[in-house]
Amino acid sequence: GAKWVQEEAPDVLCLQETKCAASAVPAELRELPGLPHQFWSSAKDRPGYSGAAFLRFLQRLDARKPVLLCGDLNVAHAEIDLCHPRANRASAGFTPQEREGFSKLLDSGFVDSFRHLYPEARGAFTFWTYLGGARARNVGWRLDYAVVSRRLLGALCDCKIRSAVQGSDHCPITALLAV
């Protein structure tokens, strides 16, 4: 929550699924001292994660300036990115089509910052169902990403999964860039 954001002291804070209108910023966030200017968008402002159209949008944006795409992309890209890949081959978030779409994004000049830095890290998940104590047992999926333009790799210092932060079925991720 707000205490973690205060301790983290981000230069940029990205929020998703806040379930509030742009004008209704949660009180605990309005009260954070020294929090940098926040940028809010609504669903109508986003192009949507629709495969080819979204990739074209990112490529046009990347032609103008380096891109940091962060958030819940609803896909576990590789088998290492979920606890039970064999049992989930046909599950939403791990279908061949979804994984291929994410591969196209990476093949188009973008980099999964966490996997770039930690290619073999296992058990690094950002989402756990509320059912069956999945989080306590770390039976999860890595669905949240910090994807950067390839030209930002020199500025990429780290990407952390903050799995100890509670309050949602997802945990925050932190991308550290020296820009």
N, C-alpha and C. Protein backbone atom coordinates (compact mmCIF):
# COMPACT_ATOMS: atom_id res chain seq x y z
N GLY A 1 0.80 -1.18 0.00
CA GLY A 1 0.00 0.00 0.00
C GLY A 1 0.86 1.26 0.00
N ALA A 2 0.28 2.27 0.57
CA ALA A 2 0.91 3.59 0.57
C ALA A 2 2.24 3.59 1.31
N LYS A 3 2.35 2.80 2.40
CA LYS A 3 3.61 2.75 3.15
C LYS A 3 4.75 2.22 2.28
N TRP A 4 4.46 1.17 1.51
CA TRP A 4 5.48 0.61 0.64
C TRP A 4 5.90 1.62 -0.42
N VAL A 5 4.93 2.34 -0.99
CA VAL A 5 5.24 3.35 -2.01
C VAL A 5 6.11 4.44 -1.39
N GLN A 6 5.80 4.85 -0.19
CA GLN A 6 6.61 5.86 0.51
C GLN A 6 8.04 5.37 0.69
N GLU A 7 8.20 4.15 1.14
CA GLU A 7 9.54 3.58 1.36
C GLU A 7 10.29 3.42 0.05
N GLU A 8 9.60 3.03 -1.01
CA GLU A 8 10.23 2.83 -2.32
C GLU A 8 10.64 4.15 -2.94
N ALA A 9 9.87 5.21 -2.69
CA ALA A 9 10.14 6.56 -3.20
C ALA A 9 10.45 6.56 -4.70
N PRO A 10 9.50 6.09 -5.52
CA PRO A 10 9.76 6.02 -6.96
C PRO A 10 9.80 7.39 -7.63
N ASP A 11 10.57 7.50 -8.70
CA ASP A 11 10.52 8.69 -9.54
C ASP A 11 9.28 8.66 -10.41
N VAL A 12 8.87 7.46 -10.80
CA VAL A 12 7.65 7.26 -11.58
C VAL A 12 6.89 6.12 -10.94
N LEU A 13 5.60 6.31 -10.75
CA LEU A 13 4.74 5.29 -10.16
C LEU A 13 3.67 4.93 -11.18
N CYS A 14 3.60 3.67 -11.55
CA CYS A 14 2.58 3.19 -12.48
C CYS A 14 1.60 2.33 -11.70
N LEU A 15 0.32 2.62 -11.86
CA LEU A 15 -0.73 1.88 -11.16
C LEU A 15 -1.65 1.25 -12.19
N GLN A 16 -2.22 0.13 -11.83
CA GLN A 16 -3.20 -0.52 -12.70
C GLN A 16 -4.31 -1.08 -11.85
N GLU A 17 -5.44 -1.28 -12.49
CA GLU A 17 -6.60 -1.83 -11.83
C GLU A 17 -6.89 -1.15 -10.50
N THR A 18 -6.82 0.19 -10.50
CA THR A 18 -7.08 0.93 -9.28
C THR A 18 -8.57 1.07 -8.99
N LYS A 19 -9.39 0.78 -10.02
CA LYS A 19 -10.84 0.85 -9.88
C LYS A 19 -11.31 2.20 -9.37
N CYS A 20 -10.71 3.26 -9.90
CA CYS A 20 -11.16 4.61 -9.57
C CYS A 20 -11.08 5.47 -10.81
N ALA A 21 -11.90 6.49 -10.87
CA ALA A 21 -11.85 7.43 -11.98
C ALA A 21 -10.58 8.26 -11.85
N ALA A 22 -10.14 8.86 -12.94
CA ALA A 22 -8.91 9.64 -12.92
C ALA A 22 -8.98 10.77 -11.90
N SER A 23 -10.17 11.28 -11.68
CA SER A 23 -10.32 12.39 -10.72
C SER A 23 -10.42 11.89 -9.28
N ALA A 24 -10.54 10.59 -9.08
CA ALA A 24 -10.72 10.04 -7.73
C ALA A 24 -9.48 9.30 -7.28
N VAL A 25 -8.38 10.01 -7.15
CA VAL A 25 -7.12 9.41 -6.71
C VAL A 25 -7.30 8.96 -5.26
N PRO A 26 -6.91 7.73 -4.92
CA PRO A 26 -7.07 7.26 -3.55
C PRO A 26 -6.41 8.20 -2.54
N ALA A 27 -7.08 8.43 -1.43
CA ALA A 27 -6.60 9.37 -0.43
C ALA A 27 -5.20 9.04 0.05
N GLU A 28 -4.90 7.75 0.25
CA GLU A 28 -3.57 7.40 0.76
C GLU A 28 -2.47 7.78 -0.22
N LEU A 29 -2.79 7.87 -1.52
CA LEU A 29 -1.78 8.29 -2.49
C LEU A 29 -1.69 9.81 -2.56
N ARG A 30 -2.82 10.49 -2.40
CA ARG A 30 -2.81 11.96 -2.41
C ARG A 30 -1.97 12.49 -1.25
N GLU A 31 -1.90 11.73 -0.17
CA GLU A 31 -1.25 12.21 1.04
C GLU A 31 0.23 11.86 1.12
N LEU A 32 0.76 11.17 0.13
CA LEU A 32 2.18 10.81 0.19
C LEU A 32 3.04 12.05 -0.01
N PRO A 33 3.88 12.39 0.97
CA PRO A 33 4.73 13.56 0.80
C PRO A 33 5.81 13.31 -0.24
N GLY A 34 6.01 14.28 -1.10
CA GLY A 34 7.10 14.21 -2.06
C GLY A 34 6.88 13.25 -3.21
N LEU A 35 5.66 12.71 -3.37
CA LEU A 35 5.41 11.79 -4.47
C LEU A 35 5.45 12.58 -5.77
N PRO A 36 6.21 12.13 -6.75
CA PRO A 36 6.28 12.84 -8.03
C PRO A 36 4.92 12.93 -8.71
N HIS A 37 4.83 13.78 -9.70
CA HIS A 37 3.60 13.94 -10.46
C HIS A 37 3.13 12.59 -10.98
N GLN A 38 1.86 12.33 -10.83
CA GLN A 38 1.31 11.05 -11.27
C GLN A 38 0.59 11.23 -12.60
N PHE A 39 0.70 10.24 -13.46
CA PHE A 39 0.00 10.25 -14.73
C PHE A 39 -1.06 9.18 -14.68
N TRP A 40 -2.29 9.56 -14.95
CA TRP A 40 -3.41 8.63 -14.90
C TRP A 40 -3.97 8.46 -16.29
N SER A 41 -4.36 7.27 -16.62
CA SER A 41 -5.02 7.04 -17.90
C SER A 41 -6.22 6.14 -17.66
N SER A 42 -7.12 6.18 -18.57
CA SER A 42 -8.28 5.29 -18.49
C SER A 42 -8.22 4.33 -19.66
N ALA A 43 -9.12 3.36 -19.65
CA ALA A 43 -9.12 2.36 -20.72
C ALA A 43 -9.24 3.01 -22.09
N LYS A 44 -9.98 4.11 -22.20
CA LYS A 44 -10.14 4.75 -23.52
C LYS A 44 -8.85 5.39 -24.00
N ASP A 45 -7.89 5.64 -23.10
CA ASP A 45 -6.62 6.25 -23.49
C ASP A 45 -5.60 5.23 -23.95
N ARG A 46 -5.83 3.96 -23.69
CA ARG A 46 -4.85 2.92 -24.02
C ARG A 46 -5.23 2.26 -25.34
N PRO A 47 -4.23 1.82 -26.09
CA PRO A 47 -4.54 1.13 -27.34
C PRO A 47 -5.04 -0.29 -27.12
N GLY A 48 -4.84 -0.86 -25.95
CA GLY A 48 -5.26 -2.23 -25.69
C GLY A 48 -4.19 -3.22 -26.10
N TYR A 49 -4.08 -4.32 -25.36
CA TYR A 49 -3.09 -5.34 -25.68
C TYR A 49 -3.73 -6.29 -26.67
N SER A 50 -3.73 -5.87 -27.95
CA SER A 50 -4.44 -6.65 -28.96
C SER A 50 -3.49 -7.20 -30.02
N GLY A 51 -2.31 -7.58 -29.63
CA GLY A 51 -1.41 -8.22 -30.56
C GLY A 51 -0.78 -7.25 -31.54
N ALA A 52 -1.08 -7.41 -32.83
CA ALA A 52 -0.43 -6.65 -33.89
C ALA A 52 -0.66 -5.14 -33.75
N ALA A 53 -1.88 -4.73 -33.41
CA ALA A 53 -2.17 -3.30 -33.27
C ALA A 53 -1.36 -2.69 -32.12
N PHE A 54 -1.28 -3.40 -31.03
CA PHE A 54 -0.52 -2.91 -29.88
C PHE A 54 0.97 -2.84 -30.21
N LEU A 55 1.48 -3.84 -30.90
CA LEU A 55 2.89 -3.85 -31.29
C LEU A 55 3.19 -2.67 -32.22
N ARG A 56 2.31 -2.39 -33.18
CA ARG A 56 2.51 -1.23 -34.07
C ARG A 56 2.53 0.07 -33.26
N PHE A 57 1.63 0.18 -32.29
CA PHE A 57 1.60 1.36 -31.42
C PHE A 57 2.94 1.53 -30.70
N LEU A 58 3.46 0.45 -30.12
CA LEU A 58 4.74 0.52 -29.41
C LEU A 58 5.89 0.86 -30.34
N GLN A 59 5.88 0.30 -31.55
CA GLN A 59 6.95 0.58 -32.51
C GLN A 59 6.93 2.05 -32.94
N ARG A 60 5.72 2.61 -33.15
CA ARG A 60 5.63 4.05 -33.49
C ARG A 60 6.14 4.90 -32.34
N LEU A 61 5.78 4.53 -31.13
CA LEU A 61 6.25 5.27 -29.97
C LEU A 61 7.76 5.14 -29.81
N ASP A 62 8.28 3.93 -30.01
CA ASP A 62 9.72 3.69 -29.89
C ASP A 62 10.51 4.45 -30.95
N ALA A 63 9.92 4.72 -32.09
CA ALA A 63 10.60 5.50 -33.13
C ALA A 63 10.82 6.94 -32.68
N ARG A 64 9.99 7.41 -31.75
CA ARG A 64 10.10 8.79 -31.25
C ARG A 64 10.93 8.89 -29.98
N LYS A 65 10.82 7.87 -29.11
CA LYS A 65 11.52 7.90 -27.82
C LYS A 65 11.58 6.50 -27.25
N PRO A 66 12.54 6.22 -26.38
CA PRO A 66 12.61 4.89 -25.76
C PRO A 66 11.35 4.60 -24.95
N VAL A 67 11.00 3.33 -24.89
CA VAL A 67 9.75 2.91 -24.26
C VAL A 67 10.05 2.04 -23.03
N LEU A 68 9.28 2.28 -21.98
CA LEU A 68 9.21 1.38 -20.83
C LEU A 68 7.74 1.00 -20.72
N LEU A 69 7.44 -0.24 -21.03
CA LEU A 69 6.09 -0.78 -20.92
C LEU A 69 6.04 -1.61 -19.65
N CYS A 70 5.17 -1.22 -18.72
CA CYS A 70 5.11 -1.99 -17.48
C CYS A 70 3.67 -2.28 -17.12
N GLY A 71 3.50 -3.44 -16.51
CA GLY A 71 2.18 -3.81 -16.04
C GLY A 71 1.89 -5.28 -16.22
N ASP A 72 0.63 -5.61 -15.96
CA ASP A 72 0.14 -6.98 -16.08
C ASP A 72 -0.18 -7.22 -17.55
N LEU A 73 0.67 -7.99 -18.24
CA LEU A 73 0.47 -8.27 -19.66
C LEU A 73 -0.29 -9.57 -19.88
N ASN A 74 -0.69 -10.22 -18.80
CA ASN A 74 -1.55 -11.41 -18.86
C ASN A 74 -0.98 -12.54 -19.71
N VAL A 75 0.33 -12.70 -19.70
CA VAL A 75 0.95 -13.82 -20.39
C VAL A 75 2.19 -14.25 -19.62
N ALA A 76 2.32 -15.54 -19.43
CA ALA A 76 3.57 -16.11 -18.91
C ALA A 76 4.33 -16.55 -20.15
N HIS A 77 5.40 -15.87 -20.46
CA HIS A 77 6.07 -16.05 -21.76
C HIS A 77 6.72 -17.42 -21.92
N ALA A 78 7.40 -17.89 -20.91
CA ALA A 78 8.14 -19.14 -21.02
C ALA A 78 7.74 -20.08 -19.89
N GLU A 79 8.08 -21.35 -20.04
CA GLU A 79 7.73 -22.34 -19.01
C GLU A 79 8.27 -21.94 -17.64
N ILE A 80 9.41 -21.30 -17.61
CA ILE A 80 10.01 -20.87 -16.35
C ILE A 80 9.16 -19.81 -15.64
N ASP A 81 8.21 -19.21 -16.37
CA ASP A 81 7.42 -18.10 -15.84
C ASP A 81 6.12 -18.52 -15.16
N LEU A 82 5.92 -19.82 -14.95
CA LEU A 82 4.78 -20.27 -14.16
C LEU A 82 5.14 -21.58 -13.48
N CYS A 83 4.44 -21.86 -12.41
CA CYS A 83 4.78 -23.02 -11.58
C CYS A 83 4.50 -24.35 -12.27
N HIS A 84 3.37 -24.46 -12.95
CA HIS A 84 2.97 -25.73 -13.55
C HIS A 84 2.71 -25.57 -15.04
N PRO A 85 3.77 -25.47 -15.86
CA PRO A 85 3.55 -25.23 -17.29
C PRO A 85 2.82 -26.36 -18.01
N ARG A 86 3.13 -27.60 -17.71
CA ARG A 86 2.48 -28.71 -18.43
C ARG A 86 0.98 -28.72 -18.21
N ALA A 87 0.56 -28.47 -16.99
CA ALA A 87 -0.86 -28.49 -16.67
C ALA A 87 -1.61 -27.28 -17.21
N ASN A 88 -0.89 -26.26 -17.65
CA ASN A 88 -1.53 -25.01 -18.09
C ASN A 88 -1.34 -24.70 -19.57
N ARG A 89 -0.95 -25.69 -20.36
CA ARG A 89 -0.68 -25.46 -21.80
C ARG A 89 -1.85 -24.81 -22.54
N ALA A 90 -3.07 -25.12 -22.14
CA ALA A 90 -4.25 -24.57 -22.82
C ALA A 90 -4.91 -23.45 -22.00
N SER A 91 -4.29 -23.06 -20.91
CA SER A 91 -4.88 -22.04 -20.04
C SER A 91 -4.64 -20.64 -20.58
N ALA A 92 -5.63 -19.77 -20.39
CA ALA A 92 -5.47 -18.36 -20.76
C ALA A 92 -4.23 -17.82 -20.06
N GLY A 93 -3.41 -17.12 -20.80
CA GLY A 93 -2.18 -16.58 -20.26
C GLY A 93 -0.96 -17.43 -20.60
N PHE A 94 -1.19 -18.63 -21.12
CA PHE A 94 -0.07 -19.50 -21.48
C PHE A 94 -0.34 -20.27 -22.77
N THR A 95 -1.27 -19.78 -23.57
CA THR A 95 -1.55 -20.46 -24.83
C THR A 95 -0.40 -20.20 -25.81
N PRO A 96 -0.22 -21.07 -26.78
CA PRO A 96 0.84 -20.84 -27.78
C PRO A 96 0.68 -19.50 -28.49
N GLN A 97 -0.56 -19.09 -28.77
CA GLN A 97 -0.79 -17.82 -29.45
C GLN A 97 -0.36 -16.64 -28.60
N GLU A 98 -0.68 -16.67 -27.32
CA GLU A 98 -0.29 -15.57 -26.42
C GLU A 98 1.23 -15.50 -26.28
N ARG A 99 1.83 -16.65 -26.13
CA ARG A 99 3.29 -16.69 -25.97
C ARG A 99 3.98 -16.23 -27.25
N GLU A 100 3.43 -16.62 -28.40
CA GLU A 100 3.98 -16.19 -29.68
C GLU A 100 3.86 -14.67 -29.85
N GLY A 101 2.73 -14.12 -29.42
CA GLY A 101 2.54 -12.67 -29.47
C GLY A 101 3.58 -11.94 -28.64
N PHE A 102 3.89 -12.48 -27.46
CA PHE A 102 4.91 -11.86 -26.61
C PHE A 102 6.29 -12.02 -27.25
N SER A 103 6.54 -13.15 -27.87
CA SER A 103 7.82 -13.35 -28.57
C SER A 103 7.98 -12.33 -29.70
N LYS A 104 6.90 -12.05 -30.42
CA LYS A 104 6.96 -11.03 -31.48
C LYS A 104 7.33 -9.67 -30.91
N LEU A 105 6.78 -9.34 -29.76
CA LEU A 105 7.13 -8.08 -29.10
C LEU A 105 8.63 -8.04 -28.83
N LEU A 106 9.16 -9.12 -28.28
CA LEU A 106 10.59 -9.17 -27.95
C LEU A 106 11.46 -9.19 -29.20
N ASP A 107 10.98 -9.80 -30.26
CA ASP A 107 11.73 -9.85 -31.51
C ASP A 107 11.70 -8.52 -32.26
N SER A 108 10.87 -7.59 -31.79
CA SER A 108 10.71 -6.30 -32.47
C SER A 108 11.48 -5.17 -31.81
N GLY A 109 12.50 -5.51 -31.03
CA GLY A 109 13.34 -4.47 -30.44
C GLY A 109 13.04 -4.15 -29.00
N PHE A 110 12.28 -5.01 -28.34
CA PHE A 110 11.96 -4.79 -26.92
C PHE A 110 12.53 -5.93 -26.10
N VAL A 111 12.76 -5.66 -24.81
CA VAL A 111 13.44 -6.62 -23.94
C VAL A 111 12.66 -6.78 -22.64
N ASP A 112 12.45 -8.01 -22.23
CA ASP A 112 11.88 -8.33 -20.92
C ASP A 112 13.01 -8.10 -19.91
N SER A 113 12.94 -7.00 -19.18
CA SER A 113 14.07 -6.60 -18.34
C SER A 113 14.40 -7.63 -17.26
N PHE A 114 13.39 -8.24 -16.65
CA PHE A 114 13.68 -9.23 -15.61
C PHE A 114 14.42 -10.44 -16.18
N ARG A 115 13.91 -11.00 -17.28
CA ARG A 115 14.56 -12.18 -17.88
C ARG A 115 15.92 -11.83 -18.47
N HIS A 116 16.11 -10.60 -18.92
CA HIS A 116 17.41 -10.18 -19.43
C HIS A 116 18.45 -10.26 -18.30
N LEU A 117 18.04 -9.81 -17.12
CA LEU A 117 18.96 -9.78 -15.98
C LEU A 117 19.03 -11.12 -15.25
N TYR A 118 17.94 -11.85 -15.22
CA TYR A 118 17.85 -13.10 -14.46
C TYR A 118 17.30 -14.22 -15.35
N PRO A 119 18.05 -14.64 -16.36
CA PRO A 119 17.52 -15.60 -17.34
C PRO A 119 17.15 -16.96 -16.76
N GLU A 120 17.74 -17.37 -15.66
CA GLU A 120 17.49 -18.70 -15.10
C GLU A 120 16.71 -18.67 -13.79
N ALA A 121 16.27 -17.50 -13.35
CA ALA A 121 15.59 -17.39 -12.05
C ALA A 121 14.27 -18.15 -12.06
N ARG A 122 14.14 -19.10 -11.15
CA ARG A 122 12.92 -19.90 -11.03
C ARG A 122 12.12 -19.43 -9.81
N GLY A 123 10.82 -19.66 -9.85
CA GLY A 123 9.97 -19.27 -8.73
C GLY A 123 9.77 -17.78 -8.62
N ALA A 124 10.10 -17.05 -9.68
CA ALA A 124 9.98 -15.58 -9.70
C ALA A 124 8.62 -15.22 -10.28
N PHE A 125 7.60 -15.19 -9.43
CA PHE A 125 6.24 -14.98 -9.88
C PHE A 125 5.71 -13.64 -9.38
N THR A 126 4.70 -13.12 -10.10
CA THR A 126 4.09 -11.84 -9.73
C THR A 126 2.59 -11.97 -9.50
N PHE A 127 2.03 -13.15 -9.75
CA PHE A 127 0.59 -13.37 -9.58
C PHE A 127 0.37 -14.74 -8.95
N TRP A 128 -0.56 -14.78 -7.99
CA TRP A 128 -0.97 -16.04 -7.35
C TRP A 128 -2.47 -15.97 -7.16
N THR A 129 -3.16 -17.05 -7.51
CA THR A 129 -4.60 -17.09 -7.26
C THR A 129 -4.83 -17.03 -5.75
N TYR A 130 -5.99 -16.52 -5.39
CA TYR A 130 -6.36 -16.49 -3.97
C TYR A 130 -6.74 -17.88 -3.46
N LEU A 131 -6.94 -18.82 -4.34
CA LEU A 131 -7.41 -20.16 -3.95
C LEU A 131 -6.28 -21.06 -3.46
N GLY A 132 -6.57 -21.86 -2.48
CA GLY A 132 -5.67 -22.93 -2.05
C GLY A 132 -4.33 -22.51 -1.48
N GLY A 133 -4.21 -21.31 -0.98
CA GLY A 133 -2.94 -20.88 -0.39
C GLY A 133 -1.80 -20.82 -1.41
N ALA A 134 -2.13 -20.49 -2.65
CA ALA A 134 -1.13 -20.51 -3.73
C ALA A 134 0.05 -19.58 -3.45
N ARG A 135 -0.24 -18.41 -2.90
CA ARG A 135 0.86 -17.46 -2.66
C ARG A 135 1.81 -17.99 -1.60
N ALA A 136 1.29 -18.52 -0.53
CA ALA A 136 2.13 -19.06 0.55
C ALA A 136 3.00 -20.20 0.04
N ARG A 137 2.49 -20.95 -0.94
CA ARG A 137 3.25 -22.08 -1.50
C ARG A 137 4.04 -21.67 -2.75
N ASN A 138 3.93 -20.41 -3.15
CA ASN A 138 4.56 -19.85 -4.34
C ASN A 138 4.20 -20.63 -5.61
N VAL A 139 2.91 -20.94 -5.73
CA VAL A 139 2.38 -21.56 -6.93
C VAL A 139 1.80 -20.42 -7.77
N GLY A 140 2.64 -19.84 -8.61
CA GLY A 140 2.23 -18.62 -9.29
C GLY A 140 2.63 -18.55 -10.75
N TRP A 141 2.44 -17.36 -11.28
CA TRP A 141 2.74 -17.02 -12.66
C TRP A 141 3.49 -15.68 -12.67
N ARG A 142 4.37 -15.48 -13.61
CA ARG A 142 4.96 -14.15 -13.83
C ARG A 142 4.20 -13.52 -14.99
N LEU A 143 3.28 -12.62 -14.64
CA LEU A 143 2.44 -11.95 -15.62
C LEU A 143 2.75 -10.47 -15.74
N ASP A 144 3.49 -9.93 -14.78
CA ASP A 144 3.78 -8.50 -14.73
C ASP A 144 5.21 -8.26 -15.21
N TYR A 145 5.35 -7.28 -16.08
CA TYR A 145 6.62 -7.07 -16.78
C TYR A 145 7.03 -5.61 -16.78
N ALA A 146 8.33 -5.41 -16.91
CA ALA A 146 8.92 -4.12 -17.28
C ALA A 146 9.67 -4.41 -18.58
N VAL A 147 9.03 -4.09 -19.69
CA VAL A 147 9.60 -4.31 -21.02
C VAL A 147 10.20 -2.99 -21.49
N VAL A 148 11.44 -3.02 -21.94
CA VAL A 148 12.12 -1.79 -22.34
C VAL A 148 12.56 -1.86 -23.80
N SER A 149 12.67 -0.69 -24.41
CA SER A 149 13.29 -0.61 -25.73
C SER A 149 14.72 -1.11 -25.61
N ARG A 150 15.17 -1.81 -26.62
CA ARG A 150 16.54 -2.36 -26.60
C ARG A 150 17.57 -1.26 -26.31
N ARG A 151 17.34 -0.06 -26.80
CA ARG A 151 18.31 1.02 -26.58
C ARG A 151 18.35 1.51 -25.13
N LEU A 152 17.43 1.05 -24.29
CA LEU A 152 17.47 1.39 -22.87
C LEU A 152 18.27 0.38 -22.05
N LEU A 153 18.76 -0.68 -22.66
CA LEU A 153 19.49 -1.70 -21.90
C LEU A 153 20.70 -1.14 -21.17
N GLY A 154 21.37 -0.18 -21.74
CA GLY A 154 22.52 0.43 -21.07
C GLY A 154 22.14 1.17 -19.80
N ALA A 155 20.90 1.60 -19.71
CA ALA A 155 20.41 2.32 -18.53
C ALA A 155 19.76 1.38 -17.50
N LEU A 156 19.50 0.13 -17.90
CA LEU A 156 18.83 -0.81 -17.01
C LEU A 156 19.78 -1.28 -15.91
N CYS A 157 19.43 -0.98 -14.68
CA CYS A 157 20.25 -1.37 -13.53
C CYS A 157 19.72 -2.65 -12.88
N ASP A 158 18.41 -2.75 -12.75
CA ASP A 158 17.83 -3.92 -12.10
C ASP A 158 16.33 -3.96 -12.36
N CYS A 159 15.76 -5.11 -12.14
CA CYS A 159 14.32 -5.29 -12.16
C CYS A 159 14.01 -6.25 -11.02
N LYS A 160 13.21 -5.79 -10.10
CA LYS A 160 12.91 -6.57 -8.90
C LYS A 160 11.44 -6.96 -8.84
N ILE A 161 11.20 -8.16 -8.40
CA ILE A 161 9.84 -8.62 -8.11
C ILE A 161 9.67 -8.50 -6.60
N ARG A 162 8.71 -7.70 -6.18
CA ARG A 162 8.50 -7.40 -4.76
C ARG A 162 7.44 -8.33 -4.18
N SER A 163 7.75 -9.62 -4.16
CA SER A 163 6.76 -10.64 -3.78
C SER A 163 6.32 -10.55 -2.32
N ALA A 164 7.07 -9.88 -1.48
CA ALA A 164 6.68 -9.76 -0.07
C ALA A 164 5.58 -8.71 0.13
N VAL A 165 5.34 -7.87 -0.86
CA VAL A 165 4.32 -6.83 -0.73
C VAL A 165 2.95 -7.46 -0.94
N GLN A 166 2.11 -7.37 0.09
CA GLN A 166 0.78 -7.97 0.08
C GLN A 166 -0.26 -6.93 -0.33
N GLY A 167 -1.51 -7.40 -0.50
CA GLY A 167 -2.61 -6.49 -0.76
C GLY A 167 -3.33 -6.76 -2.06
N SER A 168 -2.84 -7.68 -2.85
CA SER A 168 -3.45 -8.01 -4.14
C SER A 168 -3.05 -9.43 -4.50
N ASP A 169 -3.66 -9.95 -5.56
CA ASP A 169 -3.23 -11.24 -6.07
C ASP A 169 -1.98 -11.09 -6.95
N HIS A 170 -1.58 -9.85 -7.22
CA HIS A 170 -0.33 -9.54 -7.90
C HIS A 170 0.59 -8.83 -6.91
N CYS A 171 1.88 -8.84 -7.20
CA CYS A 171 2.81 -8.05 -6.40
C CYS A 171 3.43 -6.99 -7.30
N PRO A 172 3.96 -5.93 -6.71
CA PRO A 172 4.63 -4.91 -7.53
C PRO A 172 5.93 -5.41 -8.12
N ILE A 173 6.33 -4.78 -9.19
CA ILE A 173 7.67 -4.96 -9.74
C ILE A 173 8.32 -3.58 -9.77
N THR A 174 9.63 -3.57 -9.71
CA THR A 174 10.37 -2.32 -9.73
C THR A 174 11.43 -2.42 -10.82
N ALA A 175 11.41 -1.47 -11.72
CA ALA A 175 12.45 -1.38 -12.75
C ALA A 175 13.35 -0.21 -12.36
N LEU A 176 14.64 -0.48 -12.28
CA LEU A 176 15.60 0.55 -11.92
C LEU A 176 16.41 0.92 -13.16
N LEU A 177 16.28 2.17 -13.57
CA LEU A 177 16.96 2.68 -14.76
C LEU A 177 17.75 3.92 -14.40
N ALA A 178 18.95 4.03 -14.90
CA ALA A 178 19.78 5.21 -14.69
C ALA A 178 19.63 6.11 -15.91
N VAL A 179 18.64 6.99 -15.86
CA VAL A 179 18.40 7.89 -16.98
C VAL A 179 18.48 9.34 -16.55
